[in-house]
């Protein structure tokens, strides 16, 4: 493999990992938001 192809592969893996981390972070934020709403009694 050429050096350029290896760099492209590395960039693709980094982008993929960043997207996964973003989704995880958004999921945690949404979970905390829902927990806060439930504790405040919005739906009770």
PDB file of N, CA and C in Angstrom:
ATOM      1  N   UNK A   1       0.849  -1.192   0.000  1.00  0.00           N
ATOM      2  CA  UNK A   1       0.000   0.000   0.000  1.00  0.00           C
ATOM      3  C   UNK A   1       0.883   1.240   0.000  1.00  0.00           C
ATOM      4  N   UNK A   2       0.423   2.234  -0.653  1.00  0.00           N
ATOM      5  CA  UNK A   2       1.200   3.466  -0.696  1.00  0.00           C
ATOM      6  C   UNK A   2       0.981   4.258   0.587  1.00  0.00           C
ATOM      7  N   UNK A   3       1.870   5.177   0.826  1.00  0.00           N
ATOM      8  CA  UNK A   3       1.791   6.003   2.027  1.00  0.00           C
ATOM      9  C   UNK A   3       0.514   6.847   2.032  1.00  0.00           C
ATOM     10  N   UNK A   4       0.119   7.328   0.858  1.00  0.00           N
ATOM     11  CA  UNK A   4      -1.105   8.142   0.766  1.00  0.00           C
ATOM     12  C   UNK A   4      -2.330   7.299   1.108  1.00  0.00           C
ATOM     13  N   UNK A   5      -2.384   6.073   0.629  1.00  0.00           N
ATOM     14  CA  UNK A   5      -3.512   5.193   0.931  1.00  0.00           C
ATOM     15  C   UNK A   5      -3.577   4.907   2.427  1.00  0.00           C
ATOM     16  N   UNK A   6      -2.429   4.723   3.064  1.00  0.00           N
ATOM     17  CA  UNK A   6      -2.400   4.487   4.508  1.00  0.00           C
ATOM     18  C   UNK A   6      -2.903   5.710   5.265  1.00  0.00           C
ATOM     19  N   UNK A   7      -2.532   6.905   4.827  1.00  0.00           N
ATOM     20  CA  UNK A   7      -2.993   8.124   5.481  1.00  0.00           C
ATOM     21  C   UNK A   7      -4.509   8.279   5.306  1.00  0.00           C
ATOM     22  N   UNK A   8      -5.025   7.957   4.093  1.00  0.00           N
ATOM     23  CA  UNK A   8      -6.460   8.036   3.866  1.00  0.00           C
ATOM     24  C   UNK A   8      -7.205   7.069   4.778  1.00  0.00           C
ATOM     25  N   UNK A   9      -6.685   5.862   4.923  1.00  0.00           N
ATOM     26  CA  UNK A   9      -7.294   4.869   5.796  1.00  0.00           C
ATOM     27  C   UNK A   9      -7.284   5.353   7.236  1.00  0.00           C
ATOM     28  N   UNK A  10      -6.166   5.941   7.662  1.00  0.00           N
ATOM     29  CA  UNK A  10      -6.053   6.453   9.036  1.00  0.00           C
ATOM     30  C   UNK A  10      -7.072   7.570   9.266  1.00  0.00           C
ATOM     31  N   UNK A  11      -7.199   8.487   8.313  1.00  0.00           N
ATOM     32  CA  UNK A  11      -8.174   9.575   8.436  1.00  0.00           C
ATOM     33  C   UNK A  11      -9.598   9.032   8.494  1.00  0.00           C
ATOM     34  N   UNK A  12      -9.881   8.000   7.695  1.00  0.00           N
ATOM     35  CA  UNK A  12     -11.219   7.407   7.696  1.00  0.00           C
ATOM     36  C   UNK A  12     -11.535   6.783   9.050  1.00  0.00           C
ATOM     37  N   UNK A  13     -10.544   6.097   9.634  1.00  0.00           N
ATOM     38  CA  UNK A  13     -10.754   5.486  10.945  1.00  0.00           C
ATOM     39  C   UNK A  13     -10.954   6.548  12.023  1.00  0.00           C
ATOM     40  N   UNK A  14     -10.187   7.622  11.954  1.00  0.00           N
ATOM     41  CA  UNK A  14     -10.322   8.704  12.935  1.00  0.00           C
ATOM     42  C   UNK A  14     -11.708   9.338  12.827  1.00  0.00           C
ATOM     43  N   UNK A  15     -12.165   9.608  11.592  1.00  0.00           N
ATOM     44  CA  UNK A  15     -13.503  10.185  11.398  1.00  0.00           C
ATOM     45  C   UNK A  15     -14.582   9.255  11.930  1.00  0.00           C
ATOM     46  N   UNK A  16     -14.426   7.969  11.678  1.00  0.00           N
ATOM     47  CA  UNK A  16     -15.403   6.989  12.140  1.00  0.00           C
ATOM     48  C   UNK A  16     -15.463   6.969  13.663  1.00  0.00           C
ATOM     49  N   UNK A  17     -14.301   6.990  14.300  1.00  0.00           N
ATOM     50  CA  UNK A  17     -14.254   6.987  15.767  1.00  0.00           C
ATOM     51  C   UNK A  17     -14.849   8.275  16.327  1.00  0.00           C
ATOM     52  N   UNK A  18     -14.576   9.409  15.683  1.00  0.00           N
ATOM     53  CA  UNK A  18     -15.128  10.677  16.142  1.00  0.00           C
ATOM     54  C   UNK A  18     -16.645  10.679  16.060  1.00  0.00           C
ATOM     55  N   UNK A  19     -17.190  10.115  14.989  1.00  0.00           N
ATOM     56  CA  UNK A  19     -18.650  10.039  14.855  1.00  0.00           C
ATOM     57  C   UNK A  19     -19.248   9.158  15.949  1.00  0.00           C
ATOM     58  N   UNK A  20     -18.596   8.058  16.247  1.00  0.00           N
ATOM     59  CA  UNK A  20     -19.087   7.164  17.297  1.00  0.00           C
ATOM     60  C   UNK A  20     -19.061   7.872  18.652  1.00  0.00           C
ATOM     61  N   UNK A  21     -18.009   8.613  18.927  1.00  0.00           N
ATOM     62  CA  UNK A  21     -17.913   9.346  20.189  1.00  0.00           C
ATOM     63  C   UNK A  21     -18.980  10.443  20.263  1.00  0.00           C
ATOM     64  N   UNK A  22     -19.251  11.099  19.149  1.00  0.00           N
ATOM     65  CA  UNK A  22     -20.291  12.124  19.115  1.00  0.00           C
ATOM     66  C   UNK A  22     -21.644  11.508  19.436  1.00  0.00           C
ATOM     67  N   UNK A  23     -21.957  10.382  18.820  1.00  0.00           N
ATOM     68  CA  UNK A  23     -23.234   9.717  19.091  1.00  0.00           C
ATOM     69  C   UNK A  23     -23.336   9.288  20.552  1.00  0.00           C
ATOM     70  N   UNK A  24     -22.245   8.782  21.102  1.00  0.00           N
ATOM     71  CA  UNK A  24     -22.236   8.380  22.508  1.00  0.00           C
ATOM     72  C   UNK A  24     -22.477   9.579  23.411  1.00  0.00           C
ATOM     73  N   UNK A  25     -21.792  10.677  23.139  1.00  0.00           N
ATOM     74  CA  UNK A  25     -21.957  11.884  23.940  1.00  0.00           C
ATOM     75  C   UNK A  25     -23.387  12.413  23.857  1.00  0.00           C
ATOM     76  N   UNK A  26     -23.955  12.456  22.657  1.00  0.00           N
ATOM     77  CA  UNK A  26     -25.332  12.916  22.499  1.00  0.00           C
ATOM     78  C   UNK A  26     -26.309  12.003  23.248  1.00  0.00           C
ATOM     79  N   UNK A  27     -26.039  10.711  23.222  1.00  0.00           N
ATOM     80  CA  UNK A  27     -26.886   9.768  23.950  1.00  0.00           C
ATOM     81  C   UNK A  27     -26.839  10.002  25.452  1.00  0.00           C
ATOM     82  N   UNK A  28     -25.657  10.258  25.983  1.00  0.00           N
ATOM     83  CA  UNK A  28     -25.515  10.523  27.425  1.00  0.00           C
ATOM     84  C   UNK A  28     -26.224  11.821  27.797  1.00  0.00           C
ATOM     85  N   UNK A  29     -26.062  12.851  26.968  1.00  0.00           N
ATOM     86  CA  UNK A  29     -26.736  14.126  27.228  1.00  0.00           C
ATOM     87  C   UNK A  29     -28.250  13.929  27.219  1.00  0.00           C
ATOM     88  N   UNK A  30     -28.764  13.196  26.233  1.00  0.00           N
ATOM     89  CA  UNK A  30     -30.204  12.947  26.155  1.00  0.00           C
ATOM     90  C   UNK A  30     -30.683  12.166  27.381  1.00  0.00           C
ATOM     91  N   UNK A  31     -29.905  11.197  27.820  1.00  0.00           N
ATOM     92  CA  UNK A  31     -30.270  10.412  28.990  1.00  0.00           C
ATOM     93  C   UNK A  31     -30.357  11.291  30.234  1.00  0.00           C
ATOM     94  N   UNK A  32     -29.349  12.149  30.452  1.00  0.00           N
ATOM     95  CA  UNK A  32     -29.374  13.043  31.603  1.00  0.00           C
ATOM     96  C   UNK A  32     -30.551  14.009  31.518  1.00  0.00           C
ATOM     97  N   UNK A  33     -30.869  14.483  30.328  1.00  0.00           N
ATOM     98  CA  UNK A  33     -31.993  15.392  30.128  1.00  0.00           C
ATOM     99  C   UNK A  33     -33.302  14.694  30.507  1.00  0.00           C
ATOM    100  N   UNK A  34     -33.470  13.469  30.045  1.00  0.00           N
ATOM    101  CA  UNK A  34     -34.691  12.730  30.382  1.00  0.00           C
ATOM    102  C   UNK A  34     -34.787  12.444  31.876  1.00  0.00           C
ATOM    103  N   UNK A  35     -33.664  12.098  32.486  1.00  0.00           N
ATOM    104  CA  UNK A  35     -33.658  11.848  33.927  1.00  0.00           C
ATOM    105  C   UNK A  35     -34.042  13.118  34.679  1.00  0.00           C
ATOM    106  N   UNK A  36     -33.511  14.264  34.246  1.00  0.00           N
ATOM    107  CA  UNK A  36     -33.853  15.525  34.888  1.00  0.00           C
ATOM    108  C   UNK A  36     -35.332  15.830  34.748  1.00  0.00           C
ATOM    109  N   UNK A  37     -35.910  15.598  33.573  1.00  0.00           N
ATOM    110  CA  UNK A  37     -37.343  15.834  33.371  1.00  0.00           C
ATOM    111  C   UNK A  37     -38.173  14.938  34.276  1.00  0.00           C
ATOM    112  N   UNK A  38     -37.792  13.680  34.395  1.00  0.00           N
ATOM    113  CA  UNK A  38     -38.536  12.757  35.245  1.00  0.00           C
ATOM    114  C   UNK A  38     -38.433  13.178  36.701  1.00  0.00           C
ATOM    115  N   UNK A  39     -37.240  13.578  37.135  1.00  0.00           N
ATOM    116  CA  UNK A  39     -37.058  13.990  38.546  1.00  0.00           C
ATOM    117  C   UNK A  39     -37.829  15.269  38.853  1.00  0.00           C
ATOM    118  N   UNK A  40     -37.979  16.133  37.859  1.00  0.00           N
ATOM    119  CA  UNK A  40     -38.749  17.357  38.069  1.00  0.00           C
ATOM    120  C   UNK A  40     -40.252  17.100  38.043  1.00  0.00           C
ATOM    121  N   UNK A  41     -40.644  15.904  37.654  1.00  0.00           N
ATOM    122  CA  UNK A  41     -42.049  15.540  37.653  1.00  0.00           C
ATOM    123  C   UNK A  41     -42.817  16.073  36.461  1.00  0.00           C
ATOM    124  N   UNK A  42     -42.170  16.252  35.348  1.00  0.00           N
ATOM    125  CA  UNK A  42     -42.833  16.791  34.169  1.00  0.00           C
ATOM    126  C   UNK A  42     -43.919  15.838  33.679  1.00  0.00           C
ATOM    127  N   UNK A  43     -43.681  14.529  33.777  1.00  0.00           N
ATOM    128  CA  UNK A  43     -44.622  13.553  33.248  1.00  0.00           C
ATOM    129  C   UNK A  43     -45.449  12.862  34.341  1.00  0.00           C
ATOM    130  N   UNK A  44     -45.416  13.364  35.549  1.00  0.00           N
ATOM    131  CA  UNK A  44     -46.158  12.674  36.590  1.00  0.00           C
ATOM    132  C   UNK A  44     -47.366  13.475  37.038  1.00  0.00           C
TER     133      UNK A  44
END
